[in-house]
PDB file of N, CA and C in Angstrom:
ATOM      1  N   MET A   1     -36.227  48.855  -0.189  1.00  0.00           N
ATOM      2  CA  MET A   1     -35.287  49.680   0.510  1.00  0.00           C
ATOM      3  C   MET A   1     -34.036  48.914   0.928  1.00  0.00           C
ATOM      4  N   PHE A   2     -34.256  47.755   1.585  1.00  0.00           N
ATOM      5  CA  PHE A   2     -33.111  46.978   2.050  1.00  0.00           C
ATOM      6  C   PHE A   2     -32.578  46.037   0.980  1.00  0.00           C
ATOM      7  N   ILE A   3     -33.365  45.775  -0.012  1.00  0.00           N
ATOM      8  CA  ILE A   3     -32.958  44.846  -1.057  1.00  0.00           C
ATOM      9  C   ILE A   3     -32.522  45.660  -2.263  1.00  0.00           C
ATOM     10  N   SER A   4     -31.277  45.388  -2.709  1.00  0.00           N
ATOM     11  CA  SER A   4     -30.787  46.122  -3.874  1.00  0.00           C
ATOM     12  C   SER A   4     -31.278  45.447  -5.141  1.00  0.00           C
ATOM     13  N   ASN A   5     -31.268  46.179  -6.200  1.00  0.00           N
ATOM     14  CA  ASN A   5     -31.707  45.635  -7.479  1.00  0.00           C
ATOM     15  C   ASN A   5     -30.640  44.692  -8.034  1.00  0.00           C
ATOM     16  N   ALA A   6     -31.063  43.583  -8.590  1.00  0.00           N
ATOM     17  CA  ALA A   6     -30.149  42.627  -9.197  1.00  0.00           C
ATOM     18  C   ALA A   6     -30.107  42.893 -10.690  1.00  0.00           C
ATOM     19  N   PHE A   7     -28.915  42.971 -11.208  1.00  0.00           N
ATOM     20  CA  PHE A   7     -28.738  43.215 -12.634  1.00  0.00           C
ATOM     21  C   PHE A   7     -28.123  41.980 -13.274  1.00  0.00           C
ATOM     22  N   ALA A   8     -28.605  41.639 -14.434  1.00  0.00           N
ATOM     23  CA  ALA A   8     -28.077  40.485 -15.167  1.00  0.00           C
ATOM     24  C   ALA A   8     -26.723  40.841 -15.739  1.00  0.00           C
ATOM     25  N   GLN A   9     -25.820  39.884 -15.686  1.00  0.00           N
ATOM     26  CA  GLN A   9     -24.498  40.111 -16.258  1.00  0.00           C
ATOM     27  C   GLN A   9     -24.437  39.473 -17.627  1.00  0.00           C
ATOM     28  N   VAL A  10     -23.664  40.074 -18.474  1.00  0.00           N
ATOM     29  CA  VAL A  10     -23.506  39.572 -19.822  1.00  0.00           C
ATOM     30  C   VAL A  10     -22.516  38.416 -19.773  1.00  0.00           C
ATOM     31  N   ALA A  11     -22.818  37.320 -20.458  1.00  0.00           N
ATOM     32  CA  ALA A  11     -21.937  36.153 -20.501  1.00  0.00           C
ATOM     33  C   ALA A  11     -20.649  36.517 -21.221  1.00  0.00           C
ATOM     34  N   PRO A  12     -19.490  36.003 -20.765  1.00  0.00           N
ATOM     35  CA  PRO A  12     -18.232  36.306 -21.443  1.00  0.00           C
ATOM     36  C   PRO A  12     -18.194  35.685 -22.835  1.00  0.00           C
ATOM     37  N   ALA A  13     -17.333  36.210 -23.637  1.00  0.00           N
ATOM     38  CA  ALA A  13     -17.199  35.716 -25.012  1.00  0.00           C
ATOM     39  C   ALA A  13     -16.685  34.288 -24.995  1.00  0.00           C
ATOM     40  N   ALA A  14     -17.050  33.487 -25.963  1.00  0.00           N
ATOM     41  CA  ALA A  14     -16.697  32.069 -26.020  1.00  0.00           C
ATOM     42  C   ALA A  14     -15.279  31.823 -26.505  1.00  0.00           C
ATOM     43  N   SER A  15     -14.547  32.842 -26.894  1.00  0.00           N
ATOM     44  CA  SER A  15     -13.206  32.647 -27.452  1.00  0.00           C
ATOM     45  C   SER A  15     -12.222  32.117 -26.416  1.00  0.00           C
ATOM     46  N   GLY A  16     -12.332  32.486 -25.150  1.00  0.00           N
ATOM     47  CA  GLY A  16     -11.389  32.039 -24.129  1.00  0.00           C
ATOM     48  C   GLY A  16     -11.906  30.881 -23.308  1.00  0.00           C
ATOM     49  N   SER A  17     -12.966  30.239 -23.699  1.00  0.00           N
ATOM     50  CA  SER A  17     -13.555  29.172 -22.895  1.00  0.00           C
ATOM     51  C   SER A  17     -12.682  27.916 -22.857  1.00  0.00           C
ATOM     52  N   THR A  18     -11.955  27.610 -23.923  1.00  0.00           N
ATOM     53  CA  THR A  18     -11.106  26.413 -23.914  1.00  0.00           C
ATOM     54  C   THR A  18      -9.922  26.604 -22.978  1.00  0.00           C
ATOM     55  N   GLU A  19      -9.367  27.816 -22.957  1.00  0.00           N
ATOM     56  CA  GLU A  19      -8.252  28.082 -22.050  1.00  0.00           C
ATOM     57  C   GLU A  19      -8.704  28.008 -20.604  1.00  0.00           C
ATOM     58  N   SER A  20      -9.857  28.560 -20.320  1.00  0.00           N
ATOM     59  CA  SER A  20     -10.335  28.562 -18.944  1.00  0.00           C
ATOM     60  C   SER A  20     -10.691  27.140 -18.481  1.00  0.00           C
ATOM     61  N   SER A  21     -11.202  26.307 -19.384  1.00  0.00           N
ATOM     62  CA  SER A  21     -11.515  24.938 -18.984  1.00  0.00           C
ATOM     63  C   SER A  21     -10.237  24.135 -18.733  1.00  0.00           C
ATOM     64  N   LEU A  22      -9.198  24.381 -19.511  1.00  0.00           N
ATOM     65  CA  LEU A  22      -7.921  23.696 -19.269  1.00  0.00           C
ATOM     66  C   LEU A  22      -7.294  24.162 -17.969  1.00  0.00           C
ATOM     67  N   LEU A  23      -7.386  25.447 -17.699  1.00  0.00           N
ATOM     68  CA  LEU A  23      -6.820  25.967 -16.452  1.00  0.00           C
ATOM     69  C   LEU A  23      -7.611  25.484 -15.244  1.00  0.00           C
ATOM     70  N   SER A  24      -8.897  25.266 -15.399  1.00  0.00           N
ATOM     71  CA  SER A  24      -9.678  24.755 -14.275  1.00  0.00           C
ATOM     72  C   SER A  24      -9.372  23.279 -14.012  1.00  0.00           C
ATOM     73  N   MET A  25      -8.917  22.526 -14.984  1.00  0.00           N
ATOM     74  CA  MET A  25      -8.557  21.115 -14.814  1.00  0.00           C
ATOM     75  C   MET A  25      -7.139  20.949 -14.277  1.00  0.00           C
ATOM     76  N   LEU A  26      -6.321  21.974 -14.386  1.00  0.00           N
ATOM     77  CA  LEU A  26      -4.918  21.890 -13.975  1.00  0.00           C
ATOM     78  C   LEU A  26      -4.748  21.505 -12.499  1.00  0.00           C
ATOM     79  N   PRO A  27      -5.474  22.101 -11.547  1.00  0.00           N
ATOM     80  CA  PRO A  27      -5.291  21.668 -10.145  1.00  0.00           C
ATOM     81  C   PRO A  27      -5.649  20.197  -9.914  1.00  0.00           C
ATOM     82  N   LEU A  28      -6.660  19.714 -10.597  1.00  0.00           N
ATOM     83  CA  LEU A  28      -7.044  18.312 -10.454  1.00  0.00           C
ATOM     84  C   LEU A  28      -5.948  17.383 -10.971  1.00  0.00           C
ATOM     85  N   VAL A  29      -5.377  17.730 -12.096  1.00  0.00           N
ATOM     86  CA  VAL A  29      -4.284  16.927 -12.666  1.00  0.00           C
ATOM     87  C   VAL A  29      -3.065  16.975 -11.752  1.00  0.00           C
ATOM     88  N   LEU A  30      -2.739  18.146 -11.236  1.00  0.00           N
ATOM     89  CA  LEU A  30      -1.591  18.271 -10.332  1.00  0.00           C
ATOM     90  C   LEU A  30      -1.811  17.480  -9.042  1.00  0.00           C
ATOM     91  N   MET A  31      -3.032  17.480  -8.523  1.00  0.00           N
ATOM     92  CA  MET A  31      -3.318  16.701  -7.318  1.00  0.00           C
ATOM     93  C   MET A  31      -3.149  15.205  -7.579  1.00  0.00           C
ATOM     94  N   PHE A  32      -3.558  14.722  -8.744  1.00  0.00           N
ATOM     95  CA  PHE A  32      -3.395  13.309  -9.072  1.00  0.00           C
ATOM     96  C   PHE A  32      -1.916  12.945  -9.191  1.00  0.00           C
ATOM     97  N   VAL A  33      -1.119  13.819  -9.800  1.00  0.00           N
ATOM     98  CA  VAL A  33       0.317  13.555  -9.949  1.00  0.00           C
ATOM     99  C   VAL A  33       0.983  13.484  -8.577  1.00  0.00           C
ATOM    100  N   VAL A  34       0.654  14.416  -7.704  1.00  0.00           N
ATOM    101  CA  VAL A  34       1.221  14.406  -6.360  1.00  0.00           C
ATOM    102  C   VAL A  34       0.770  13.158  -5.605  1.00  0.00           C
ATOM    103  N   LEU A  35      -0.501  12.805  -5.718  1.00  0.00           N
ATOM    104  CA  LEU A  35      -1.032  11.599  -5.073  1.00  0.00           C
ATOM    105  C   LEU A  35      -0.292  10.353  -5.562  1.00  0.00           C
ATOM    106  N   TYR A  36      -0.011  10.287  -6.836  1.00  0.00           N
ATOM    107  CA  TYR A  36       0.699   9.137  -7.395  1.00  0.00           C
ATOM    108  C   TYR A  36       2.077   9.010  -6.763  1.00  0.00           C
ATOM    109  N   PHE A  37       2.834  10.114  -6.722  1.00  0.00           N
ATOM    110  CA  PHE A  37       4.209  10.033  -6.223  1.00  0.00           C
ATOM    111  C   PHE A  37       4.283   9.929  -4.703  1.00  0.00           C
ATOM    112  N   VAL A  38       3.271  10.391  -3.986  1.00  0.00           N
ATOM    113  CA  VAL A  38       3.319  10.359  -2.531  1.00  0.00           C
ATOM    114  C   VAL A  38       2.709   9.078  -1.966  1.00  0.00           C
ATOM    115  N   MET A  39       1.659   8.545  -2.603  1.00  0.00           N
ATOM    116  CA  MET A  39       0.960   7.397  -2.027  1.00  0.00           C
ATOM    117  C   MET A  39       1.011   6.133  -2.880  1.00  0.00           C
ATOM    118  N   ILE A  40       0.678   6.221  -4.132  1.00  0.00           N
ATOM    119  CA  ILE A  40       0.510   5.020  -4.954  1.00  0.00           C
ATOM    120  C   ILE A  40       1.851   4.359  -5.259  1.00  0.00           C
ATOM    121  N   ARG A  41       2.821   5.126  -5.687  1.00  0.00           N
ATOM    122  CA  ARG A  41       4.119   4.552  -6.068  1.00  0.00           C
ATOM    123  C   ARG A  41       4.834   3.878  -4.891  1.00  0.00           C
ATOM    124  N   PRO A  42       4.920   4.524  -3.708  1.00  0.00           N
ATOM    125  CA  PRO A  42       5.563   3.827  -2.578  1.00  0.00           C
ATOM    126  C   PRO A  42       4.827   2.556  -2.152  1.00  0.00           C
ATOM    127  N   GLN A  43       3.497   2.555  -2.232  1.00  0.00           N
ATOM    128  CA  GLN A  43       2.732   1.356  -1.875  1.00  0.00           C
ATOM    129  C   GLN A  43       3.038   0.211  -2.835  1.00  0.00           C
ATOM    130  N   MET A  44       3.134   0.513  -4.114  1.00  0.00           N
ATOM    131  CA  MET A  44       3.473  -0.526  -5.097  1.00  0.00           C
ATOM    132  C   MET A  44       4.878  -1.061  -4.841  1.00  0.00           C
ATOM    133  N   LYS A  45       5.798  -0.193  -4.441  1.00  0.00           N
ATOM    134  CA  LYS A  45       7.169  -0.622  -4.151  1.00  0.00           C
ATOM    135  C   LYS A  45       7.191  -1.552  -2.938  1.00  0.00           C
ATOM    136  N   ARG A  46       6.419  -1.198  -1.876  1.00  0.00           N
ATOM    137  CA  ARG A  46       6.345  -2.046  -0.686  1.00  0.00           C
ATOM    138  C   ARG A  46       5.753  -3.411  -1.008  1.00  0.00           C
ATOM    139  N   GLN A  47       4.715  -3.446  -1.842  1.00  0.00           N
ATOM    140  CA  GLN A  47       4.099  -4.722  -2.227  1.00  0.00           C
ATOM    141  C   GLN A  47       5.091  -5.590  -2.991  1.00  0.00           C
ATOM    142  N   LYS A  48       5.866  -4.979  -3.859  1.00  0.00           N
ATOM    143  CA  LYS A  48       6.851  -5.719  -4.639  1.00  0.00           C
ATOM    144  C   LYS A  48       7.933  -6.310  -3.721  1.00  0.00           C
ATOM    145  N   GLU A  49       8.408  -5.522  -2.747  1.00  0.00           N
ATOM    146  CA  GLU A  49       9.415  -6.009  -1.806  1.00  0.00           C
ATOM    147  C   GLU A  49       8.854  -7.138  -0.935  1.00  0.00           C
ATOM    148  N   HIS A  50       7.593  -7.023  -0.503  1.00  0.00           N
ATOM    149  CA  HIS A  50       6.977  -8.062   0.328  1.00  0.00           C
ATOM    150  C   HIS A  50       6.828  -9.358  -0.448  1.00  0.00           C
ATOM    151  N   LYS A  51       6.426  -9.262  -1.717  1.00  0.00           N
ATOM    152  CA  LYS A  51       6.291 -10.458  -2.541  1.00  0.00           C
ATOM    153  C   LYS A  51       7.638 -11.142  -2.735  1.00  0.00           C
ATOM    154  N   ALA A  52       8.694 -10.357  -2.943  1.00  0.00           N
ATOM    155  CA  ALA A  52      10.037 -10.934  -3.100  1.00  0.00           C
ATOM    156  C   ALA A  52      10.485 -11.617  -1.809  1.00  0.00           C
ATOM    157  N   MET A  53      10.154 -11.014  -0.656  1.00  0.00           N
ATOM    158  CA  MET A  53      10.518 -11.620   0.624  1.00  0.00           C
ATOM    159  C   MET A  53       9.763 -12.926   0.833  1.00  0.00           C
ATOM    160  N   ILE A  54       8.472 -12.959   0.509  1.00  0.00           N
ATOM    161  CA  ILE A  54       7.656 -14.170   0.666  1.00  0.00           C
ATOM    162  C   ILE A  54       8.179 -15.288  -0.238  1.00  0.00           C
ATOM    163  N   ASP A  55       8.561 -14.940  -1.454  1.00  0.00           N
ATOM    164  CA  ASP A  55       9.075 -15.951  -2.384  1.00  0.00           C
ATOM    165  C   ASP A  55      10.440 -16.487  -1.955  1.00  0.00           C
ATOM    166  N   ALA A  56      11.203 -15.688  -1.186  1.00  0.00           N
ATOM    167  CA  ALA A  56      12.562 -16.077  -0.815  1.00  0.00           C
ATOM    168  C   ALA A  56      12.653 -16.827   0.509  1.00  0.00           C
ATOM    169  N   ILE A  57      11.551 -16.945   1.253  1.00  0.00           N
ATOM    170  CA  ILE A  57      11.655 -17.629   2.541  1.00  0.00           C
ATOM    171  C   ILE A  57      11.942 -19.115   2.324  1.00  0.00           C
ATOM    172  N   ALA A  58      12.700 -19.666   3.264  1.00  0.00           N
ATOM    173  CA  ALA A  58      13.119 -21.066   3.151  1.00  0.00           C
ATOM    174  C   ALA A  58      12.957 -21.739   4.509  1.00  0.00           C
ATOM    175  N   LYS A  59      13.053 -23.054   4.503  1.00  0.00           N
ATOM    176  CA  LYS A  59      12.959 -23.836   5.734  1.00  0.00           C
ATOM    177  C   LYS A  59      14.110 -23.436   6.652  1.00  0.00           C
ATOM    178  N   GLY A  60      13.785 -23.201   7.929  1.00  0.00           N
ATOM    179  CA  GLY A  60      14.808 -22.807   8.895  1.00  0.00           C
ATOM    180  C   GLY A  60      14.872 -21.305   9.131  1.00  0.00           C
ATOM    181  N   ASP A  61      14.215 -20.507   8.292  1.00  0.00           N
ATOM    182  CA  ASP A  61      14.183 -19.062   8.505  1.00  0.00           C
ATOM    183  C   ASP A  61      13.332 -18.736   9.721  1.00  0.00           C
ATOM    184  N   GLU A  62      13.703 -17.694  10.422  1.00  0.00           N
ATOM    185  CA  GLU A  62      12.941 -17.228  11.572  1.00  0.00           C
ATOM    186  C   GLU A  62      12.129 -16.020  11.127  1.00  0.00           C
ATOM    187  N   VAL A  63      10.820 -16.058  11.388  1.00  0.00           N
ATOM    188  CA  VAL A  63       9.918 -15.048  10.836  1.00  0.00           C
ATOM    189  C   VAL A  63       8.992 -14.492  11.915  1.00  0.00           C
ATOM    190  N   VAL A  64       8.377 -13.348  11.580  1.00  0.00           N
ATOM    191  CA  VAL A  64       7.333 -12.731  12.382  1.00  0.00           C
ATOM    192  C   VAL A  64       6.080 -12.693  11.517  1.00  0.00           C
ATOM    193  N   THR A  65       4.923 -13.070  12.103  1.00  0.00           N
ATOM    194  CA  THR A  65       3.663 -13.039  11.353  1.00  0.00           C
ATOM    195  C   THR A  65       2.909 -11.746  11.663  1.00  0.00           C
ATOM    196  N   THR A  66       1.814 -11.531  10.940  1.00  0.00           N
ATOM    197  CA  THR A  66       1.010 -10.333  11.156  1.00  0.00           C
ATOM    198  C   THR A  66       0.397 -10.309  12.551  1.00  0.00           C
ATOM    199  N   GLY A  67       0.185 -11.450  13.141  1.00  0.00           N
ATOM    200  CA  GLY A  67      -0.357 -11.531  14.498  1.00  0.00           C
ATOM    201  C   GLY A  67       0.689 -11.327  15.573  1.00  0.00           C
ATOM    202  N   GLY A  68       1.954 -11.203  15.188  1.00  0.00           N
ATOM    203  CA  GLY A  68       3.020 -10.978  16.147  1.00  0.00           C
ATOM    204  C   GLY A  68       3.692 -12.248  16.630  1.00  0.00           C
ATOM    205  N   LEU A  69       3.367 -13.394  16.025  1.00  0.00           N
ATOM    206  CA  LEU A  69       4.006 -14.646  16.415  1.00  0.00           C
ATOM    207  C   LEU A  69       5.401 -14.742  15.822  1.00  0.00           C
ATOM    208  N   LEU A  70       6.345 -15.180  16.639  1.00  0.00           N
ATOM    209  CA  LEU A  70       7.702 -15.425  16.178  1.00  0.00           C
ATOM    210  C   LEU A  70       7.926 -16.916  16.131  1.00  0.00           C
ATOM    211  N   GLY A  71       8.587 -17.388  15.098  1.00  0.00           N
ATOM    212  CA  GLY A  71       8.843 -18.810  15.005  1.00  0.00           C
ATOM    213  C   GLY A  71       9.792 -19.148  13.880  1.00  0.00           C
ATOM    214  N   LYS A  72      10.114 -20.427  13.821  1.00  0.00           N
ATOM    215  CA  LYS A  72      11.029 -20.943  12.809  1.00  0.00           C
ATOM    216  C   LYS A  72      10.231 -21.769  11.813  1.00  0.00           C
ATOM    217  N   ILE A  73      10.476 -21.572  10.546  1.00  0.00           N
ATOM    218  CA  ILE A  73       9.745 -22.292   9.503  1.00  0.00           C
ATOM    219  C   ILE A  73      10.220 -23.740   9.477  1.00  0.00           C
ATOM    220  N   THR A  74       9.238 -24.675   9.546  1.00  0.00           N
ATOM    221  CA  THR A  74       9.576 -26.090   9.505  1.00  0.00           C
ATOM    222  C   THR A  74       9.129 -26.754   8.208  1.00  0.00           C
ATOM    223  N   LYS A  75       8.026 -26.287   7.630  1.00  0.00           N
ATOM    224  CA  LYS A  75       7.526 -26.861   6.370  1.00  0.00           C
ATOM    225  C   LYS A  75       7.059 -25.728   5.466  1.00  0.00           C
ATOM    226  N   LEU A  76       7.274 -25.910   4.169  1.00  0.00           N
ATOM    227  CA  LEU A  76       6.840 -24.932   3.177  1.00  0.00           C
ATOM    228  C   LEU A  76       5.850 -25.572   2.226  1.00  0.00           C
ATOM    229  N   GLY A  77       4.790 -24.865   1.945  1.00  0.00           N
ATOM    230  CA  GLY A  77       3.815 -25.290   0.942  1.00  0.00           C
ATOM    231  C   GLY A  77       3.632 -24.164  -0.062  1.00  0.00           C
ATOM    232  N   ASP A  78       2.720 -24.380  -0.995  1.00  0.00           N
ATOM    233  CA  ASP A  78       2.475 -23.336  -1.993  1.00  0.00           C
ATOM    234  C   ASP A  78       1.844 -22.097  -1.379  1.00  0.00           C
ATOM    235  N   SER A  79       0.837 -22.293  -0.521  1.00  0.00           N
ATOM    236  CA  SER A  79       0.153 -21.138   0.057  1.00  0.00           C
ATOM    237  C   SER A  79       0.224 -21.110   1.586  1.00  0.00           C
ATOM    238  N   PHE A  80       0.679 -22.197   2.210  1.00  0.00           N
ATOM    239  CA  PHE A  80       0.772 -22.258   3.667  1.00  0.00           C
ATOM    240  C   PHE A  80       2.179 -22.659   4.080  1.00  0.00           C
ATOM    241  N   ILE A  81       2.563 -22.208   5.280  1.00  0.00           N
ATOM    242  CA  ILE A  81       3.839 -22.625   5.876  1.00  0.00           C
ATOM    243  C   ILE A  81       3.566 -23.062   7.308  1.00  0.00           C
ATOM    244  N   SER A  82       4.403 -23.947   7.819  1.00  0.00           N
ATOM    245  CA  SER A  82       4.312 -24.366   9.217  1.00  0.00           C
ATOM    246  C   SER A  82       5.420 -23.672   9.984  1.00  0.00           C
ATOM    247  N   ILE A  83       5.038 -23.096  11.122  1.00  0.00           N
ATOM    248  CA  ILE A  83       5.990 -22.369  11.954  1.00  0.00           C
ATOM    249  C   ILE A  83       6.037 -23.024  13.324  1.00  0.00           C
ATOM    250  N   GLU A  84       7.233 -23.310  13.792  1.00  0.00           N
ATOM    251  CA  GLU A  84       7.397 -23.854  15.139  1.00  0.00           C
ATOM    252  C   GLU A  84       7.578 -22.675  16.088  1.00  0.00           C
ATOM    253  N   VAL A  85       6.577 -22.461  16.970  1.00  0.00           N
ATOM    254  CA  VAL A  85       6.616 -21.324  17.886  1.00  0.00           C
ATOM    255  C   VAL A  85       7.181 -21.711  19.252  1.00  0.00           C
ATOM    256  N   ALA A  86       7.146 -22.983  19.585  1.00  0.00           N
ATOM    257  CA  ALA A  86       7.741 -23.516  20.810  1.00  0.00           C
ATOM    258  C   ALA A  86       8.135 -24.957  20.523  1.00  0.00           C
ATOM    259  N   THR A  87       8.853 -25.573  21.416  1.00  0.00           N
ATOM    260  CA  THR A  87       9.282 -26.946  21.203  1.00  0.00           C
ATOM    261  C   THR A  87       8.058 -27.848  21.086  1.00  0.00           C
ATOM    262  N   GLY A  88       7.905 -28.455  19.926  1.00  0.00           N
ATOM    263  CA  GLY A  88       6.803 -29.364  19.680  1.00  0.00           C
ATOM    264  C   GLY A  88       5.482 -28.692  19.314  1.00  0.00           C
ATOM    265  N   VAL A  89       5.452 -27.368  19.201  1.00  0.00           N
ATOM    266  CA  VAL A  89       4.221 -26.653  18.854  1.00  0.00           C
ATOM    267  C   VAL A  89       4.400 -26.014  17.480  1.00  0.00           C
ATOM    268  N   GLU A  90       3.603 -26.517  16.526  1.00  0.00           N
ATOM    269  CA  GLU A  90       3.675 -25.980  15.162  1.00  0.00           C
ATOM    270  C   GLU A  90       2.332 -25.361  14.791  1.00  0.00           C
ATOM    271  N   LEU A  91       2.392 -24.232  14.100  1.00  0.00           N
ATOM    272  CA  LEU A  91       1.201 -23.557  13.602  1.00  0.00           C
ATOM    273  C   LEU A  91       1.293 -23.454  12.094  1.00  0.00           C
ATOM    274  N   GLN A  92       0.137 -23.561  11.460  1.00  0.00           N
ATOM    275  CA  GLN A  92       0.091 -23.385  10.017  1.00  0.00           C
ATOM    276  C   GLN A  92      -0.468 -21.999   9.726  1.00  0.00           C
ATOM    277  N   VAL A  93       0.235 -21.205   8.937  1.00  0.00           N
ATOM    278  CA  VAL A  93      -0.212 -19.858   8.565  1.00  0.00           C
ATOM    279  C   VAL A  93      -0.051 -19.683   7.057  1.00  0.00           C
ATOM    280  N   GLN A  94      -0.755 -18.710   6.534  1.00  0.00           N
ATOM    281  CA  GLN A  94      -0.604 -18.401   5.116  1.00  0.00           C
ATOM    282  C   GLN A  94       0.732 -17.718   4.884  1.00  0.00           C
ATOM    283  N   ARG A  95       1.263 -17.907   3.688  1.00  0.00           N
ATOM    284  CA  ARG A  95       2.545 -17.280   3.348  1.00  0.00           C
ATOM    285  C   ARG A  95       2.477 -15.761   3.469  1.00  0.00           C
ATOM    286  N   GLY A  96       1.341 -15.185   3.079  1.00  0.00           N
ATOM    287  CA  GLY A  96       1.183 -13.735   3.111  1.00  0.00           C
ATOM    288  C   GLY A  96       1.152 -13.154   4.513  1.00  0.00           C
ATOM    289  N   ALA A  97       0.982 -14.012   5.523  1.00  0.00           N
ATOM    290  CA  ALA A  97       0.943 -13.543   6.911  1.00  0.00           C
ATOM    291  C   ALA A  97       2.333 -13.232   7.450  1.00  0.00           C
ATOM    292  N   VAL A  98       3.365 -13.613   6.732  1.00  0.00           N
ATOM    293  CA  VAL A  98       4.731 -13.331   7.173  1.00  0.00           C
ATOM    294  C   VAL A  98       5.029 -11.863   6.883  1.00  0.00           C
ATOM    295  N   VAL A  99       5.429 -11.151   7.938  1.00  0.00           N
ATOM    296  CA  VAL A  99       5.705  -9.724   7.815  1.00  0.00           C
ATOM    297  C   VAL A  99       7.193  -9.462   7.682  1.00  0.00           C
ATOM    298  N   GLN A 100       7.991 -10.238   8.414  1.00  0.00           N
ATOM    299  CA  GLN A 100       9.419  -9.951   8.472  1.00  0.00           C
ATOM    300  C   GLN A 100      10.212 -11.238   8.640  1.00  0.00           C
ATOM    301  N   VAL A 101      11.357 -11.300   8.014  1.00  0.00           N
ATOM    302  CA  VAL A 101      12.288 -12.420   8.211  1.00  0.00           C
ATOM    303  C   VAL A 101      13.375 -11.895   9.148  1.00  0.00           C
ATOM    304  N   LEU A 102      13.565 -12.597  10.259  1.00  0.00           N
ATOM    305  CA  LEU A 102      14.517 -12.181  11.274  1.00  0.00           C
ATOM    306  C   LEU A 102      15.887 -12.788  11.016  1.00  0.00           C
ATOM    307  N   PRO A 103      16.939 -12.174  11.562  1.00  0.00           N
ATOM    308  CA  PRO A 103      18.273 -12.778  11.451  1.00  0.00           C
ATOM    309  C   PRO A 103      18.328 -14.095  12.207  1.00  0.00           C
ATOM    310  N   LYS A 104      19.191 -14.989  11.763  1.00  0.00           N
ATOM    311  CA  LYS A 104      19.342 -16.304  12.403  1.00  0.00           C
ATOM    312  C   LYS A 104      19.733 -16.137  13.867  1.00  0.00           C
ATOM    313  N   GLY A 105      19.142 -16.961  14.734  1.00  0.00           N
ATOM    314  CA  GLY A 105      19.461 -16.938  16.154  1.00  0.00           C
ATOM    315  C   GLY A 105      18.616 -15.973  16.959  1.00  0.00           C
ATOM    316  N   THR A 106      17.673 -15.298  16.353  1.00  0.00           N
ATOM    317  CA  THR A 106      16.822 -14.355  17.089  1.00  0.00           C
ATOM    318  C   THR A 106      15.835 -15.103  17.972  1.00  0.00           C
ATOM    319  N   VAL A 107      15.196 -16.139  17.429  1.00  0.00           N
ATOM    320  CA  VAL A 107      14.223 -16.930  18.169  1.00  0.00           C
ATOM    321  C   VAL A 107      14.949 -18.079  18.837  1.00  0.00           C
ATOM    322  N   LYS A 108      14.728 -18.248  20.133  1.00  0.00           N
ATOM    323  CA  LYS A 108      15.432 -19.331  20.841  1.00  0.00           C
ATOM    324  C   LYS A 108      14.461 -20.328  21.389  1.00  0.00           C
TER     325      LYS A 108
END
């Protein structure tokens, strides 16, 4: 009484199955394209700019590290740099820890 009868449905013809499968993949492809232009491409651009900045740092530049330390570069190595954060106080940090190069005269 409360349960209606279930009737089997006939499967659709196979002639339009390739079109329907392509149309079902279209949203996934569009989402990947949008993801590429919104997230992946800008991240790659930022990484490229950061690498160029790291390669261009020189002795005497004033920098900010990822930890928020400000200092002047005193020594350069292949993977490490020495930063003078106060008079007579030098710290060694990795080159990749440099976030920003400040204008001359910022750190006193």
